[in-house]
Amino acid sequence: MLRALAEPRRVAILKLVRCRELRAGEISRHFRTTRPAISQHFRVLIKAGLLMERREGTRRLYRIRPQGFAQLRSFLETFWDEKLTKLKSAAEAEMKDTHGV
């Protein structure tokens, strides 16, 4: 999932579709690259669980997959929680050393 977000164009694609579903062509217009290259970015984001594709006739529409971001958030929070626990322990130890509490 993080590898998918390492490419700036993929992040830009996600920003474009964060509020509403867009057609592939609408998304492609924002980039100076080929449509096949953009399609490859779509595939990576879909595989990472961050983007959803819906077909409507011959059109392909894309939007954010909220569940994928919930998983990403949960993963990142484990690091944040660990850091806060260590910070709390350090502050308590300093308080004990400084004030004998």
C-alpha atoms as a PDB file:
ATOM      1  CA  MET A   1       0.000   0.000   0.000  1.00  0.00           C
ATOM      2  CA  LEU A   2       2.755   2.445   0.907  1.00  0.00           C
ATOM      3  CA  ARG A   3       4.644   1.575  -2.263  1.00  0.00           C
ATOM      4  CA  ALA A   4       1.581   2.602  -4.269  1.00  0.00           C
ATOM      5  CA  LEU A   5       1.643   6.006  -2.568  1.00  0.00           C
ATOM      6  CA  ALA A   6       5.354   6.531  -3.239  1.00  0.00           C
ATOM      7  CA  GLU A   7       4.634   7.662  -6.813  1.00  0.00           C
ATOM      8  CA  PRO A   8       3.492  11.335  -6.941  1.00  0.00           C
ATOM      9  CA  ARG A   9       1.157  10.748  -9.906  1.00  0.00           C
ATOM     10  CA  ARG A  10      -0.733   8.104  -7.950  1.00  0.00           C
ATOM     11  CA  VAL A  11      -1.186  10.482  -5.053  1.00  0.00           C
ATOM     12  CA  ALA A  12      -2.414  13.112  -7.531  1.00  0.00           C
ATOM     13  CA  ILE A  13      -4.905  10.608  -8.988  1.00  0.00           C
ATOM     14  CA  LEU A  14      -6.262   9.905  -5.504  1.00  0.00           C
ATOM     15  CA  LYS A  15      -6.611  13.634  -4.827  1.00  0.00           C
ATOM     16  CA  LEU A  16      -8.594  14.037  -8.041  1.00  0.00           C
ATOM     17  CA  VAL A  17     -11.091  11.328  -7.143  1.00  0.00           C
ATOM     18  CA  ARG A  18     -11.323  11.923  -3.397  1.00  0.00           C
ATOM     19  CA  CYS A  19     -14.575  13.890  -3.637  1.00  0.00           C
ATOM     20  CA  ARG A  20     -16.260  12.360  -6.656  1.00  0.00           C
ATOM     21  CA  GLU A  21     -16.058   9.591  -9.193  1.00  0.00           C
ATOM     22  CA  LEU A  22     -14.299  10.524 -12.452  1.00  0.00           C
ATOM     23  CA  ARG A  23     -13.947   8.937 -15.871  1.00  0.00           C
ATOM     24  CA  ALA A  24     -10.513   7.679 -16.855  1.00  0.00           C
ATOM     25  CA  GLY A  25     -10.279  10.316 -19.582  1.00  0.00           C
ATOM     26  CA  GLU A  26     -11.033  13.129 -17.143  1.00  0.00           C
ATOM     27  CA  ILE A  27      -8.241  11.935 -14.884  1.00  0.00           C
ATOM     28  CA  SER A  28      -5.796  11.437 -17.757  1.00  0.00           C
ATOM     29  CA  ARG A  29      -6.203  15.035 -18.900  1.00  0.00           C
ATOM     30  CA  HIS A  30      -4.445  16.215 -15.746  1.00  0.00           C
ATOM     31  CA  PHE A  31      -1.189  14.474 -16.655  1.00  0.00           C
ATOM     32  CA  ARG A  32       1.433  14.815 -19.358  1.00  0.00           C
ATOM     33  CA  THR A  33       1.750  11.103 -19.949  1.00  0.00           C
ATOM     34  CA  THR A  34       0.082   8.425 -22.034  1.00  0.00           C
ATOM     35  CA  ARG A  35      -3.241   6.869 -21.152  1.00  0.00           C
ATOM     36  CA  PRO A  36      -1.645   3.413 -20.888  1.00  0.00           C
ATOM     37  CA  ALA A  37       0.767   4.829 -18.291  1.00  0.00           C
ATOM     38  CA  ILE A  38      -2.142   6.283 -16.313  1.00  0.00           C
ATOM     39  CA  SER A  39      -3.980   2.963 -16.622  1.00  0.00           C
ATOM     40  CA  GLN A  40      -0.973   1.265 -15.049  1.00  0.00           C
ATOM     41  CA  HIS A  41      -1.211   3.692 -12.122  1.00  0.00           C
ATOM     42  CA  PHE A  42      -4.913   2.829 -11.796  1.00  0.00           C
ATOM     43  CA  ARG A  43      -4.050  -0.884 -11.623  1.00  0.00           C
ATOM     44  CA  VAL A  44      -1.455  -0.338  -8.904  1.00  0.00           C
ATOM     45  CA  LEU A  45      -3.882   1.741  -6.829  1.00  0.00           C
ATOM     46  CA  ILE A  46      -6.660  -0.821  -7.276  1.00  0.00           C
ATOM     47  CA  LYS A  47      -4.340  -3.653  -6.285  1.00  0.00           C
ATOM     48  CA  ALA A  48      -3.298  -1.658  -3.192  1.00  0.00           C
ATOM     49  CA  GLY A  49      -6.980  -1.337  -2.254  1.00  0.00           C
ATOM     50  CA  LEU A  50      -7.039   2.467  -2.478  1.00  0.00           C
ATOM     51  CA  LEU A  51      -9.023   2.929  -5.701  1.00  0.00           C
ATOM     52  CA  MET A  52     -12.228   1.405  -7.075  1.00  0.00           C
ATOM     53  CA  GLU A  53     -13.131   0.958 -10.714  1.00  0.00           C
ATOM     54  CA  ARG A  54     -16.685   0.832 -12.029  1.00  0.00           C
ATOM     55  CA  ARG A  55     -17.642   0.151 -15.619  1.00  0.00           C
ATOM     56  CA  GLU A  56     -20.510   1.935 -17.242  1.00  0.00           C
ATOM     57  CA  GLY A  57     -20.830   0.698 -20.805  1.00  0.00           C
ATOM     58  CA  THR A  58     -17.457   1.383 -22.382  1.00  0.00           C
ATOM     59  CA  ARG A  59     -16.488   3.942 -19.736  1.00  0.00           C
ATOM     60  CA  ARG A  60     -14.370   3.252 -16.700  1.00  0.00           C
ATOM     61  CA  LEU A  61     -15.017   5.359 -13.646  1.00  0.00           C
ATOM     62  CA  TYR A  62     -12.742   5.644 -10.651  1.00  0.00           C
ATOM     63  CA  ARG A  63     -13.207   6.682  -7.059  1.00  0.00           C
ATOM     64  CA  ILE A  64     -11.512   6.371  -3.701  1.00  0.00           C
ATOM     65  CA  ARG A  65     -11.968   3.112  -1.810  1.00  0.00           C
ATOM     66  CA  PRO A  66     -12.569   4.345   1.769  1.00  0.00           C
ATOM     67  CA  GLN A  67     -11.924   0.911   3.293  1.00  0.00           C
ATOM     68  CA  GLY A  68      -8.404   0.957   1.891  1.00  0.00           C
ATOM     69  CA  PHE A  69      -7.696   4.247   3.587  1.00  0.00           C
ATOM     70  CA  ALA A  70      -9.149   2.927   6.843  1.00  0.00           C
ATOM     71  CA  GLN A  71      -6.656   0.056   6.664  1.00  0.00           C
ATOM     72  CA  LEU A  72      -3.835   2.488   5.912  1.00  0.00           C
ATOM     73  CA  ARG A  73      -4.869   4.731   8.791  1.00  0.00           C
ATOM     74  CA  SER A  74      -5.014   1.772  11.155  1.00  0.00           C
ATOM     75  CA  PHE A  75      -1.543   0.687  10.078  1.00  0.00           C
ATOM     76  CA  LEU A  76      -0.089   4.170  10.560  1.00  0.00           C
ATOM     77  CA  GLU A  77      -1.790   4.602  13.924  1.00  0.00           C
ATOM     78  CA  THR A  78       0.138   1.629  15.286  1.00  0.00           C
ATOM     79  CA  PHE A  79       3.308   3.665  14.838  1.00  0.00           C
ATOM     80  CA  TRP A  80       1.728   6.769  16.320  1.00  0.00           C
ATOM     81  CA  ASP A  81       0.377   4.848  19.335  1.00  0.00           C
ATOM     82  CA  GLU A  82       3.788   3.291  19.953  1.00  0.00           C
ATOM     83  CA  LYS A  83       5.460   6.701  19.779  1.00  0.00           C
ATOM     84  CA  LEU A  84       2.931   8.229  22.195  1.00  0.00           C
ATOM     85  CA  THR A  85       3.432   5.364  24.652  1.00  0.00           C
ATOM     86  CA  LYS A  86       7.190   5.911  24.599  1.00  0.00           C
ATOM     87  CA  LEU A  87       6.740   9.672  24.997  1.00  0.00           C
ATOM     88  CA  LYS A  88       4.397   9.162  27.956  1.00  0.00           C
ATOM     89  CA  SER A  89       6.874   6.781  29.608  1.00  0.00           C
ATOM     90  CA  ALA A  90       9.732   9.236  29.089  1.00  0.00           C
ATOM     91  CA  ALA A  91       7.686  12.119  30.513  1.00  0.00           C
ATOM     92  CA  GLU A  92       6.657  10.055  33.535  1.00  0.00           C
ATOM     93  CA  ALA A  93      10.269   8.993  34.144  1.00  0.00           C
ATOM     94  CA  GLU A  94      11.437  12.610  33.897  1.00  0.00           C
ATOM     95  CA  MET A  95       8.681  13.718  36.272  1.00  0.00           C
ATOM     96  CA  LYS A  96       9.718  11.030  38.746  1.00  0.00           C
ATOM     97  CA  ASP A  97      13.407  11.993  38.490  1.00  0.00           C
ATOM     98  CA  THR A  98      12.726  15.715  38.731  1.00  0.00           C
ATOM     99  CA  HIS A  99       9.954  15.806  41.308  1.00  0.00           C
ATOM    100  CA  GLY A 100      10.260  12.447  43.010  1.00  0.00           C
ATOM    101  CA  VAL A 101       6.690  11.629  41.992  1.00  0.00           C
END
